[in-house]
Amino acid sequence: MANDNFRGVEMKKGEPVDRALKRLKTKLDTEGILEEMRRRRAFETPTQKFQRKLRTASKRNKVRWQYSSRTPEKEGETSED
């Protein structure tokens, strides 16, 4: 029976262990597993949880605002100054 939830990396032939560990760490970091593990290490009060969510929401909204406020320049138009 194959384990579909396996999170790991396959070591390539002749690959140093350090490089494989780095690939594993990057993979876990992009999936958010490391951040969740750090967060679950200690109890988080409801107030701390609320503040954390506010911080992440403000970061997310800041990025959204940057991309939504850009106006795409139309092709073929020249500005008359």
Protein backbone atom coordinates (compact mmCIF):
# COMPACT_ATOMS: atom_id res chain seq x y z
CA MET A 1 0.00 0.00 0.00
CA ALA A 2 1.53 3.29 -1.11
CA ASN A 3 1.58 6.20 1.29
CA ASP A 4 0.21 9.19 -0.64
CA ASN A 5 0.90 11.58 2.23
CA PHE A 6 4.66 11.00 2.07
CA ARG A 7 6.51 14.29 2.17
CA GLY A 8 10.11 13.80 1.35
CA VAL A 9 12.70 13.89 -1.36
CA GLU A 10 14.34 11.13 -3.30
CA MET A 11 18.10 11.19 -3.10
CA LYS A 12 19.74 11.11 -6.48
CA LYS A 13 22.73 8.90 -7.12
CA GLY A 14 25.90 10.63 -5.95
CA GLU A 15 24.01 13.57 -4.45
CA PRO A 16 25.38 14.99 -1.20
CA VAL A 17 23.15 14.69 1.86
CA ASP A 18 23.36 18.44 2.45
CA ARG A 19 21.78 19.20 -0.90
CA ALA A 20 18.98 16.69 -0.31
CA LEU A 21 18.30 18.23 3.11
CA LYS A 22 18.16 21.67 1.55
CA ARG A 23 15.63 20.45 -1.03
CA LEU A 24 13.56 18.89 1.75
CA LYS A 25 13.63 22.07 3.81
CA THR A 26 12.59 24.20 0.84
CA LYS A 27 9.76 21.82 0.03
CA LEU A 28 8.48 21.86 3.61
CA ASP A 29 8.82 25.63 3.77
CA THR A 30 6.81 26.20 0.59
CA GLU A 31 4.05 23.93 1.90
CA GLY A 32 3.98 25.86 5.19
CA ILE A 33 4.74 22.83 7.34
CA LEU A 34 7.73 24.37 9.13
CA GLU A 35 5.76 27.47 10.06
CA GLU A 36 2.90 25.37 11.41
CA MET A 37 5.31 23.26 13.47
CA ARG A 38 6.87 26.37 15.00
CA ARG A 39 3.42 27.75 15.76
CA ARG A 40 2.23 24.55 17.43
CA ARG A 41 5.29 24.30 19.68
CA ALA A 42 3.67 26.46 22.34
CA PHE A 43 0.08 27.23 23.26
CA GLU A 44 -1.37 30.22 21.48
CA THR A 45 -4.01 32.25 23.27
CA PRO A 46 -7.05 33.42 21.30
CA THR A 47 -5.72 36.99 21.44
CA GLN A 48 -2.36 35.93 20.01
CA LYS A 49 -4.11 33.94 17.29
CA PHE A 50 -6.23 36.98 16.36
CA GLN A 51 -3.16 39.25 16.24
CA ARG A 52 -1.26 36.74 14.10
CA LYS A 53 -4.14 36.52 11.65
CA LEU A 54 -4.33 40.32 11.47
CA ARG A 55 -0.61 40.51 10.68
CA THR A 56 -0.82 37.94 7.89
CA ALA A 57 -3.98 39.55 6.49
CA SER A 58 -2.33 42.96 6.34
CA LYS A 59 0.67 41.49 4.49
CA ARG A 60 -1.62 39.68 2.08
CA ASN A 61 -3.71 42.80 1.44
CA LYS A 62 -0.59 44.90 0.91
CA VAL A 63 0.56 42.57 -1.87
CA ARG A 64 -2.94 42.50 -3.40
CA TRP A 65 -3.10 46.29 -3.32
CA GLN A 66 0.25 46.58 -5.13
CA TYR A 67 -0.95 44.39 -7.98
CA SER A 68 -4.47 45.78 -8.18
CA SER A 69 -3.37 49.43 -8.18
CA ARG A 70 -1.17 48.94 -11.25
CA THR A 71 -2.84 50.02 -14.45
CA PRO A 72 -1.84 47.98 -17.46
CA GLU A 73 -0.58 50.15 -20.27
CA LYS A 74 -2.50 49.70 -23.46
CA GLU A 75 -0.61 48.69 -26.53
CA GLY A 76 -0.26 51.19 -29.34
CA GLU A 77 -1.07 54.27 -27.24
CA THR A 78 1.35 57.14 -27.07
CA SER A 79 1.26 59.71 -24.32
CA GLU A 80 0.91 63.31 -25.39
CA ASP A 81 3.00 65.49 -23.07
